[in-house]
Amino acid sequence: MSSYEYNVFINCPFDKKYYNLFNGIVFAVHDCGFVARCALEIEDSSQVRLSKIFQIISECKFAIHDLSRTELDRTTKLPRFNMPLELGIFLGAKKFGDDIQRKKLCLIMDREPYRYRKFCSDISGQDISSHNSRVRKAITITRNWLQSALKGTIIPSGSKVYERYTIFKNDLPELCAELRLNI
Protein backbone atom coordinates (compact mmCIF):
# COMPACT_ATOMS: atom_id res chain seq x y z
CA MET A 1 0.00 0.00 0.00
CA SER A 2 1.09 3.56 -0.64
CA SER A 3 1.86 5.99 2.15
CA TYR A 4 -1.50 7.65 1.38
CA GLU A 5 -3.19 4.53 2.76
CA TYR A 6 -1.43 4.99 6.12
CA ASN A 7 -1.25 8.78 6.48
CA VAL A 8 -3.44 10.36 9.17
CA PHE A 9 -3.93 14.12 9.17
CA ILE A 10 -4.08 15.42 12.75
CA ASN A 11 -6.19 18.56 13.09
CA CYS A 12 -6.15 19.72 16.69
CA PRO A 13 -5.04 22.57 18.93
CA PHE A 14 -1.29 23.00 19.26
CA ASP A 15 -1.34 24.86 22.56
CA LYS A 16 0.12 23.87 25.96
CA LYS A 17 -3.28 22.95 27.35
CA TYR A 18 -3.76 20.34 24.60
CA TYR A 19 -0.13 19.11 24.54
CA ASN A 20 -0.71 15.79 26.36
CA LEU A 21 -3.76 14.91 24.24
CA PHE A 22 -1.86 15.71 21.04
CA ASN A 23 1.08 13.52 22.09
CA GLY A 24 -1.25 10.67 23.06
CA ILE A 25 -3.11 10.79 19.75
CA VAL A 26 0.11 10.95 17.71
CA PHE A 27 1.53 8.03 19.70
CA ALA A 28 -1.65 5.97 19.15
CA VAL A 29 -1.58 6.65 15.40
CA HIS A 30 2.03 5.47 15.12
CA ASP A 31 1.59 2.58 17.53
CA CYS A 32 -1.27 1.31 15.37
CA GLY A 33 0.96 1.29 12.27
CA PHE A 34 -0.04 4.60 10.71
CA VAL A 35 1.82 7.88 10.13
CA ALA A 36 0.66 11.07 11.84
CA ARG A 37 0.80 14.20 9.69
CA CYS A 38 0.06 17.81 10.66
CA ALA A 39 0.89 21.41 9.82
CA LEU A 40 3.76 21.35 12.34
CA GLU A 41 5.76 18.81 10.33
CA ILE A 42 7.39 21.39 8.05
CA GLU A 43 8.67 24.81 9.04
CA ASP A 44 8.85 26.74 5.80
CA SER A 45 8.09 30.45 6.03
CA SER A 46 7.95 30.65 2.24
CA GLN A 47 4.89 28.39 2.20
CA VAL A 48 1.45 29.71 3.04
CA ARG A 49 0.11 27.65 5.97
CA LEU A 50 -3.24 26.94 4.28
CA SER A 51 -1.44 25.68 1.15
CA LYS A 52 0.59 23.36 3.38
CA ILE A 53 -2.64 22.07 4.97
CA PHE A 54 -4.21 21.49 1.53
CA GLN A 55 -1.12 19.50 0.49
CA ILE A 56 -1.05 17.36 3.63
CA ILE A 57 -4.80 16.65 3.45
CA SER A 58 -4.41 15.55 -0.17
CA GLU A 59 -1.75 13.05 0.96
CA CYS A 60 -3.83 11.52 3.79
CA LYS A 61 -6.58 8.93 3.53
CA PHE A 62 -7.44 9.42 7.20
CA ALA A 63 -7.87 12.40 9.50
CA ILE A 64 -8.52 13.05 13.16
CA HIS A 65 -10.25 16.34 13.87
CA ASP A 66 -10.54 17.56 17.45
CA LEU A 67 -12.88 20.49 17.85
CA SER A 68 -11.99 21.07 21.52
CA ARG A 69 -10.59 24.59 21.20
CA THR A 70 -13.31 26.88 19.86
CA GLU A 71 -14.02 29.07 22.89
CA LEU A 72 -13.46 32.82 22.92
CA ASP A 73 -9.89 34.06 23.17
CA ARG A 74 -9.38 36.11 26.36
CA THR A 75 -7.59 38.90 24.53
CA THR A 76 -9.49 39.22 21.25
CA LYS A 77 -12.88 37.96 22.51
CA LEU A 78 -13.12 36.02 19.25
CA PRO A 79 -13.29 32.23 18.75
CA ARG A 80 -10.56 30.20 17.07
CA PHE A 81 -12.12 28.26 14.22
CA ASN A 82 -9.03 26.68 12.64
CA MET A 83 -10.13 23.16 13.56
CA PRO A 84 -13.66 23.45 12.06
CA LEU A 85 -12.15 25.10 8.96
CA GLU A 86 -9.68 22.24 8.45
CA LEU A 87 -12.46 19.71 9.02
CA GLY A 88 -14.43 21.47 6.28
CA ILE A 89 -11.45 21.33 3.92
CA PHE A 90 -11.07 17.59 4.58
CA LEU A 91 -14.79 16.94 4.04
CA GLY A 92 -14.67 19.05 0.85
CA ALA A 93 -11.73 17.00 -0.45
CA LYS A 94 -13.72 13.84 0.24
CA LYS A 95 -16.88 15.15 -1.42
CA PHE A 96 -15.39 16.83 -4.48
CA GLY A 97 -12.06 15.05 -4.96
CA ASP A 98 -11.15 12.27 -7.35
CA ASP A 99 -11.90 8.59 -6.68
CA ILE A 100 -8.95 8.27 -4.27
CA GLN A 101 -9.94 11.37 -2.27
CA ARG A 102 -13.56 10.20 -2.04
CA LYS A 103 -12.40 7.21 0.04
CA LYS A 104 -11.18 9.44 2.86
CA LEU A 105 -12.26 8.57 6.41
CA CYS A 106 -12.25 10.81 9.45
CA LEU A 107 -12.71 10.76 13.18
CA ILE A 108 -14.21 13.84 14.82
CA MET A 109 -13.67 14.37 18.52
CA ASP A 110 -14.63 17.01 21.06
CA ARG A 111 -14.04 17.30 24.76
CA GLU A 112 -17.72 17.02 25.74
CA PRO A 113 -20.62 15.16 24.13
CA TYR A 114 -22.75 17.40 21.89
CA ARG A 115 -20.77 20.59 22.70
CA TYR A 116 -20.02 21.00 18.97
CA ARG A 117 -23.74 21.62 18.34
CA LYS A 118 -23.33 25.10 19.86
CA PHE A 119 -20.80 26.29 17.26
CA CYS A 120 -20.96 23.82 14.35
CA SER A 121 -24.48 22.39 14.25
CA ASP A 122 -24.18 21.35 10.59
CA ILE A 123 -22.18 18.28 11.65
CA SER A 124 -24.89 17.06 14.04
CA GLY A 125 -25.69 14.13 11.75
CA GLN A 126 -22.19 12.71 12.12
CA ASP A 127 -20.76 10.51 14.86
CA ILE A 128 -18.66 12.69 17.15
CA SER A 129 -16.61 11.05 19.91
CA SER A 130 -16.01 12.69 23.28
CA HIS A 131 -12.66 12.27 25.05
CA ASN A 132 -13.49 14.38 28.13
CA SER A 133 -9.95 15.87 27.87
CA ARG A 134 -8.54 12.51 28.98
CA VAL A 135 -5.47 11.16 27.19
CA ARG A 136 -6.40 7.52 27.86
CA LYS A 137 -9.84 8.04 26.34
CA ALA A 138 -8.46 9.91 23.29
CA ILE A 139 -5.96 7.09 22.70
CA THR A 140 -8.69 4.45 22.97
CA ILE A 141 -11.03 6.35 20.64
CA THR A 142 -8.21 6.79 18.11
CA ARG A 143 -7.21 3.13 18.32
CA ASN A 144 -10.79 1.88 17.96
CA TRP A 145 -11.40 4.09 14.95
CA LEU A 146 -8.17 2.97 13.26
CA GLN A 147 -9.03 -0.67 14.00
CA SER A 148 -12.35 -0.23 12.19
CA ALA A 149 -10.44 1.08 9.15
CA LEU A 150 -8.01 -1.87 9.08
CA LYS A 151 -10.22 -4.56 7.68
CA GLY A 152 -8.79 -7.92 8.76
CA THR A 153 -5.79 -6.64 10.76
CA ILE A 154 -5.89 -6.79 14.54
CA ILE A 155 -4.13 -4.11 16.56
CA PRO A 156 -3.65 -4.06 20.34
CA SER A 157 -6.48 -2.79 22.52
CA GLY A 158 -6.75 0.82 23.64
CA SER A 159 -5.58 -0.11 27.13
CA LYS A 160 -2.45 -1.77 25.68
CA VAL A 161 -1.71 1.26 23.48
CA TYR A 162 -2.15 3.52 26.51
CA GLU A 163 0.13 1.26 28.57
CA ARG A 164 2.84 1.53 25.89
CA TYR A 165 2.29 5.30 25.72
CA THR A 166 2.86 5.58 29.48
CA ILE A 167 6.11 3.60 29.21
CA PHE A 168 7.24 5.72 26.25
CA LYS A 169 6.40 8.95 28.08
CA ASN A 170 8.42 7.82 31.10
CA ASP A 171 11.38 6.76 28.94
CA LEU A 172 11.32 9.86 26.71
CA PRO A 173 13.53 12.15 28.85
CA GLU A 174 16.31 9.54 28.95
CA LEU A 175 15.95 8.74 25.24
CA CYS A 176 16.19 12.43 24.36
CA ALA A 177 19.17 12.95 26.68
CA GLU A 178 21.04 10.10 24.96
CA LEU A 179 20.42 11.72 21.58
CA ARG A 180 21.12 15.23 22.93
CA LEU A 181 17.61 16.39 21.99
CA ASN A 182 15.02 18.45 23.83
CA ILE A 183 11.78 16.63 24.50
C-alpha atoms as a PDB file:
ATOM      1  CA  MET A   1       0.000   0.000   0.000  1.00  0.00           C
ATOM      2  CA  SER A   2       1.090   3.561  -0.636  1.00  0.00           C
ATOM      3  CA  SER A   3       1.859   5.993   2.147  1.00  0.00           C
ATOM      4  CA  TYR A   4      -1.503   7.648   1.382  1.00  0.00           C
ATOM      5  CA  GLU A   5      -3.191   4.528   2.760  1.00  0.00           C
ATOM      6  CA  TYR A   6      -1.435   4.989   6.123  1.00  0.00           C
ATOM      7  CA  ASN A   7      -1.249   8.776   6.476  1.00  0.00           C
ATOM      8  CA  VAL A   8      -3.441  10.357   9.174  1.00  0.00           C
ATOM      9  CA  PHE A   9      -3.928  14.116   9.165  1.00  0.00           C
ATOM     10  CA  ILE A  10      -4.083  15.422  12.749  1.00  0.00           C
ATOM     11  CA  ASN A  11      -6.189  18.559  13.091  1.00  0.00           C
ATOM     12  CA  CYS A  12      -6.154  19.722  16.694  1.00  0.00           C
ATOM     13  CA  PRO A  13      -5.043  22.572  18.934  1.00  0.00           C
ATOM     14  CA  PHE A  14      -1.287  22.997  19.259  1.00  0.00           C
ATOM     15  CA  ASP A  15      -1.339  24.862  22.564  1.00  0.00           C
ATOM     16  CA  LYS A  16       0.123  23.874  25.957  1.00  0.00           C
ATOM     17  CA  LYS A  17      -3.280  22.947  27.354  1.00  0.00           C
ATOM     18  CA  TYR A  18      -3.762  20.342  24.599  1.00  0.00           C
ATOM     19  CA  TYR A  19      -0.127  19.108  24.537  1.00  0.00           C
ATOM     20  CA  ASN A  20      -0.714  15.790  26.355  1.00  0.00           C
ATOM     21  CA  LEU A  21      -3.763  14.906  24.237  1.00  0.00           C
ATOM     22  CA  PHE A  22      -1.858  15.711  21.043  1.00  0.00           C
ATOM     23  CA  ASN A  23       1.078  13.520  22.089  1.00  0.00           C
ATOM     24  CA  GLY A  24      -1.247  10.668  23.057  1.00  0.00           C
ATOM     25  CA  ILE A  25      -3.110  10.786  19.751  1.00  0.00           C
ATOM     26  CA  VAL A  26       0.112  10.950  17.714  1.00  0.00           C
ATOM     27  CA  PHE A  27       1.529   8.027  19.701  1.00  0.00           C
ATOM     28  CA  ALA A  28      -1.646   5.971  19.151  1.00  0.00           C
ATOM     29  CA  VAL A  29      -1.582   6.650  15.402  1.00  0.00           C
ATOM     30  CA  HIS A  30       2.034   5.474  15.118  1.00  0.00           C
ATOM     31  CA  ASP A  31       1.589   2.576  17.535  1.00  0.00           C
ATOM     32  CA  CYS A  32      -1.269   1.306  15.373  1.00  0.00           C
ATOM     33  CA  GLY A  33       0.963   1.294  12.274  1.00  0.00           C
ATOM     34  CA  PHE A  34      -0.044   4.604  10.714  1.00  0.00           C
ATOM     35  CA  VAL A  35       1.817   7.877  10.128  1.00  0.00           C
ATOM     36  CA  ALA A  36       0.657  11.068  11.840  1.00  0.00           C
ATOM     37  CA  ARG A  37       0.802  14.204   9.692  1.00  0.00           C
ATOM     38  CA  CYS A  38       0.056  17.811  10.663  1.00  0.00           C
ATOM     39  CA  ALA A  39       0.888  21.406   9.821  1.00  0.00           C
ATOM     40  CA  LEU A  40       3.763  21.346  12.344  1.00  0.00           C
ATOM     41  CA  GLU A  41       5.762  18.812  10.332  1.00  0.00           C
ATOM     42  CA  ILE A  42       7.391  21.392   8.052  1.00  0.00           C
ATOM     43  CA  GLU A  43       8.666  24.809   9.044  1.00  0.00           C
ATOM     44  CA  ASP A  44       8.845  26.744   5.795  1.00  0.00           C
ATOM     45  CA  SER A  45       8.086  30.447   6.030  1.00  0.00           C
ATOM     46  CA  SER A  46       7.953  30.646   2.243  1.00  0.00           C
ATOM     47  CA  GLN A  47       4.892  28.390   2.204  1.00  0.00           C
ATOM     48  CA  VAL A  48       1.448  29.715   3.037  1.00  0.00           C
ATOM     49  CA  ARG A  49       0.107  27.648   5.967  1.00  0.00           C
ATOM     50  CA  LEU A  50      -3.240  26.945   4.282  1.00  0.00           C
ATOM     51  CA  SER A  51      -1.442  25.684   1.150  1.00  0.00           C
ATOM     52  CA  LYS A  52       0.592  23.359   3.375  1.00  0.00           C
ATOM     53  CA  ILE A  53      -2.644  22.069   4.969  1.00  0.00           C
ATOM     54  CA  PHE A  54      -4.206  21.491   1.527  1.00  0.00           C
ATOM     55  CA  GLN A  55      -1.117  19.504   0.491  1.00  0.00           C
ATOM     56  CA  ILE A  56      -1.046  17.356   3.634  1.00  0.00           C
ATOM     57  CA  ILE A  57      -4.800  16.652   3.451  1.00  0.00           C
ATOM     58  CA  SER A  58      -4.415  15.548  -0.174  1.00  0.00           C
ATOM     59  CA  GLU A  59      -1.748  13.049   0.963  1.00  0.00           C
ATOM     60  CA  CYS A  60      -3.832  11.518   3.791  1.00  0.00           C
ATOM     61  CA  LYS A  61      -6.581   8.931   3.530  1.00  0.00           C
ATOM     62  CA  PHE A  62      -7.437   9.424   7.199  1.00  0.00           C
ATOM     63  CA  ALA A  63      -7.872  12.399   9.503  1.00  0.00           C
ATOM     64  CA  ILE A  64      -8.517  13.051  13.157  1.00  0.00           C
ATOM     65  CA  HIS A  65     -10.249  16.342  13.870  1.00  0.00           C
ATOM     66  CA  ASP A  66     -10.537  17.557  17.449  1.00  0.00           C
ATOM     67  CA  LEU A  67     -12.882  20.494  17.852  1.00  0.00           C
ATOM     68  CA  SER A  68     -11.989  21.069  21.518  1.00  0.00           C
ATOM     69  CA  ARG A  69     -10.593  24.585  21.201  1.00  0.00           C
ATOM     70  CA  THR A  70     -13.312  26.882  19.857  1.00  0.00           C
ATOM     71  CA  GLU A  71     -14.023  29.066  22.887  1.00  0.00           C
ATOM     72  CA  LEU A  72     -13.460  32.823  22.924  1.00  0.00           C
ATOM     73  CA  ASP A  73      -9.890  34.059  23.175  1.00  0.00           C
ATOM     74  CA  ARG A  74      -9.382  36.106  26.357  1.00  0.00           C
ATOM     75  CA  THR A  75      -7.586  38.899  24.534  1.00  0.00           C
ATOM     76  CA  THR A  76      -9.487  39.216  21.248  1.00  0.00           C
ATOM     77  CA  LYS A  77     -12.883  37.960  22.509  1.00  0.00           C
ATOM     78  CA  LEU A  78     -13.123  36.016  19.247  1.00  0.00           C
ATOM     79  CA  PRO A  79     -13.288  32.232  18.749  1.00  0.00           C
ATOM     80  CA  ARG A  80     -10.558  30.196  17.075  1.00  0.00           C
ATOM     81  CA  PHE A  81     -12.121  28.256  14.216  1.00  0.00           C
ATOM     82  CA  ASN A  82      -9.031  26.681  12.636  1.00  0.00           C
ATOM     83  CA  MET A  83     -10.133  23.158  13.559  1.00  0.00           C
ATOM     84  CA  PRO A  84     -13.662  23.450  12.061  1.00  0.00           C
ATOM     85  CA  LEU A  85     -12.148  25.099   8.963  1.00  0.00           C
ATOM     86  CA  GLU A  86      -9.684  22.241   8.447  1.00  0.00           C
ATOM     87  CA  LEU A  87     -12.462  19.705   9.018  1.00  0.00           C
ATOM     88  CA  GLY A  88     -14.432  21.472   6.277  1.00  0.00           C
ATOM     89  CA  ILE A  89     -11.452  21.329   3.919  1.00  0.00           C
ATOM     90  CA  PHE A  90     -11.070  17.586   4.583  1.00  0.00           C
ATOM     91  CA  LEU A  91     -14.792  16.941   4.040  1.00  0.00           C
ATOM     92  CA  GLY A  92     -14.674  19.047   0.853  1.00  0.00           C
ATOM     93  CA  ALA A  93     -11.734  17.003  -0.448  1.00  0.00           C
ATOM     94  CA  LYS A  94     -13.721  13.835   0.237  1.00  0.00           C
ATOM     95  CA  LYS A  95     -16.885  15.148  -1.418  1.00  0.00           C
ATOM     96  CA  PHE A  96     -15.393  16.833  -4.481  1.00  0.00           C
ATOM     97  CA  GLY A  97     -12.057  15.051  -4.962  1.00  0.00           C
ATOM     98  CA  ASP A  98     -11.154  12.273  -7.353  1.00  0.00           C
ATOM     99  CA  ASP A  99     -11.901   8.595  -6.676  1.00  0.00           C
ATOM    100  CA  ILE A 100      -8.954   8.273  -4.269  1.00  0.00           C
ATOM    101  CA  GLN A 101      -9.942  11.368  -2.274  1.00  0.00           C
ATOM    102  CA  ARG A 102     -13.563  10.202  -2.040  1.00  0.00           C
ATOM    103  CA  LYS A 103     -12.403   7.214   0.039  1.00  0.00           C
ATOM    104  CA  LYS A 104     -11.179   9.443   2.863  1.00  0.00           C
ATOM    105  CA  LEU A 105     -12.264   8.569   6.413  1.00  0.00           C
ATOM    106  CA  CYS A 106     -12.249  10.806   9.451  1.00  0.00           C
ATOM    107  CA  LEU A 107     -12.709  10.764  13.183  1.00  0.00           C
ATOM    108  CA  ILE A 108     -14.210  13.839  14.816  1.00  0.00           C
ATOM    109  CA  MET A 109     -13.666  14.371  18.525  1.00  0.00           C
ATOM    110  CA  ASP A 110     -14.631  17.008  21.055  1.00  0.00           C
ATOM    111  CA  ARG A 111     -14.037  17.297  24.761  1.00  0.00           C
ATOM    112  CA  GLU A 112     -17.720  17.023  25.736  1.00  0.00           C
ATOM    113  CA  PRO A 113     -20.624  15.163  24.127  1.00  0.00           C
ATOM    114  CA  TYR A 114     -22.754  17.398  21.890  1.00  0.00           C
ATOM    115  CA  ARG A 115     -20.771  20.590  22.698  1.00  0.00           C
ATOM    116  CA  TYR A 116     -20.018  21.001  18.973  1.00  0.00           C
ATOM    117  CA  ARG A 117     -23.739  21.624  18.339  1.00  0.00           C
ATOM    118  CA  LYS A 118     -23.331  25.099  19.859  1.00  0.00           C
ATOM    119  CA  PHE A 119     -20.804  26.285  17.257  1.00  0.00           C
ATOM    120  CA  CYS A 120     -20.961  23.817  14.349  1.00  0.00           C
ATOM    121  CA  SER A 121     -24.476  22.387  14.251  1.00  0.00           C
ATOM    122  CA  ASP A 122     -24.176  21.348  10.586  1.00  0.00           C
ATOM    123  CA  ILE A 123     -22.179  18.276  11.652  1.00  0.00           C
ATOM    124  CA  SER A 124     -24.890  17.059  14.042  1.00  0.00           C
ATOM    125  CA  GLY A 125     -25.693  14.134  11.755  1.00  0.00           C
ATOM    126  CA  GLN A 126     -22.189  12.705  12.124  1.00  0.00           C
ATOM    127  CA  ASP A 127     -20.761  10.508  14.859  1.00  0.00           C
ATOM    128  CA  ILE A 128     -18.660  12.692  17.151  1.00  0.00           C
ATOM    129  CA  SER A 129     -16.612  11.054  19.914  1.00  0.00           C
ATOM    130  CA  SER A 130     -16.006  12.690  23.277  1.00  0.00           C
ATOM    131  CA  HIS A 131     -12.663  12.266  25.053  1.00  0.00           C
ATOM    132  CA  ASN A 132     -13.487  14.381  28.134  1.00  0.00           C
ATOM    133  CA  SER A 133      -9.948  15.873  27.873  1.00  0.00           C
ATOM    134  CA  ARG A 134      -8.541  12.509  28.983  1.00  0.00           C
ATOM    135  CA  VAL A 135      -5.470  11.159  27.195  1.00  0.00           C
ATOM    136  CA  ARG A 136      -6.396   7.524  27.859  1.00  0.00           C
ATOM    137  CA  LYS A 137      -9.844   8.042  26.338  1.00  0.00           C
ATOM    138  CA  ALA A 138      -8.455   9.912  23.294  1.00  0.00           C
ATOM    139  CA  ILE A 139      -5.956   7.088  22.703  1.00  0.00           C
ATOM    140  CA  THR A 140      -8.692   4.448  22.967  1.00  0.00           C
ATOM    141  CA  ILE A 141     -11.034   6.354  20.639  1.00  0.00           C
ATOM    142  CA  THR A 142      -8.208   6.789  18.111  1.00  0.00           C
ATOM    143  CA  ARG A 143      -7.209   3.126  18.322  1.00  0.00           C
ATOM    144  CA  ASN A 144     -10.790   1.875  17.964  1.00  0.00           C
ATOM    145  CA  TRP A 145     -11.400   4.094  14.949  1.00  0.00           C
ATOM    146  CA  LEU A 146      -8.174   2.972  13.261  1.00  0.00           C
ATOM    147  CA  GLN A 147      -9.034  -0.669  13.999  1.00  0.00           C
ATOM    148  CA  SER A 148     -12.346  -0.235  12.190  1.00  0.00           C
ATOM    149  CA  ALA A 149     -10.435   1.081   9.146  1.00  0.00           C
ATOM    150  CA  LEU A 150      -8.014  -1.869   9.079  1.00  0.00           C
ATOM    151  CA  LYS A 151     -10.217  -4.564   7.683  1.00  0.00           C
ATOM    152  CA  GLY A 152      -8.789  -7.921   8.762  1.00  0.00           C
ATOM    153  CA  THR A 153      -5.791  -6.636  10.758  1.00  0.00           C
ATOM    154  CA  ILE A 154      -5.888  -6.789  14.538  1.00  0.00           C
ATOM    155  CA  ILE A 155      -4.126  -4.109  16.555  1.00  0.00           C
ATOM    156  CA  PRO A 156      -3.646  -4.058  20.340  1.00  0.00           C
ATOM    157  CA  SER A 157      -6.484  -2.790  22.523  1.00  0.00           C
ATOM    158  CA  GLY A 158      -6.746   0.823  23.641  1.00  0.00           C
ATOM    159  CA  SER A 159      -5.580  -0.111  27.128  1.00  0.00           C
ATOM    160  CA  LYS A 160      -2.452  -1.772  25.678  1.00  0.00           C
ATOM    161  CA  VAL A 161      -1.715   1.257  23.480  1.00  0.00           C
ATOM    162  CA  TYR A 162      -2.153   3.520  26.510  1.00  0.00           C
ATOM    163  CA  GLU A 163       0.132   1.257  28.571  1.00  0.00           C
ATOM    164  CA  ARG A 164       2.841   1.533  25.890  1.00  0.00           C
ATOM    165  CA  TYR A 165       2.289   5.302  25.717  1.00  0.00           C
ATOM    166  CA  THR A 166       2.860   5.582  29.477  1.00  0.00           C
ATOM    167  CA  ILE A 167       6.105   3.599  29.215  1.00  0.00           C
ATOM    168  CA  PHE A 168       7.236   5.717  26.255  1.00  0.00           C
ATOM    169  CA  LYS A 169       6.397   8.952  28.076  1.00  0.00           C
ATOM    170  CA  ASN A 170       8.418   7.821  31.105  1.00  0.00           C
ATOM    171  CA  ASP A 171      11.382   6.762  28.940  1.00  0.00           C
ATOM    172  CA  LEU A 172      11.315   9.855  26.713  1.00  0.00           C
ATOM    173  CA  PRO A 173      13.528  12.153  28.855  1.00  0.00           C
ATOM    174  CA  GLU A 174      16.309   9.542  28.951  1.00  0.00           C
ATOM    175  CA  LEU A 175      15.951   8.741  25.236  1.00  0.00           C
ATOM    176  CA  CYS A 176      16.185  12.429  24.360  1.00  0.00           C
ATOM    177  CA  ALA A 177      19.174  12.952  26.681  1.00  0.00           C
ATOM    178  CA  GLU A 178      21.042  10.097  24.963  1.00  0.00           C
ATOM    179  CA  LEU A 179      20.421  11.723  21.578  1.00  0.00           C
ATOM    180  CA  ARG A 180      21.117  15.227  22.934  1.00  0.00           C
ATOM    181  CA  LEU A 181      17.611  16.394  21.994  1.00  0.00           C
ATOM    182  CA  ASN A 182      15.019  18.449  23.825  1.00  0.00           C
ATOM    183  CA  ILE A 183      11.778  16.629  24.502  1.00  0.00           C
END
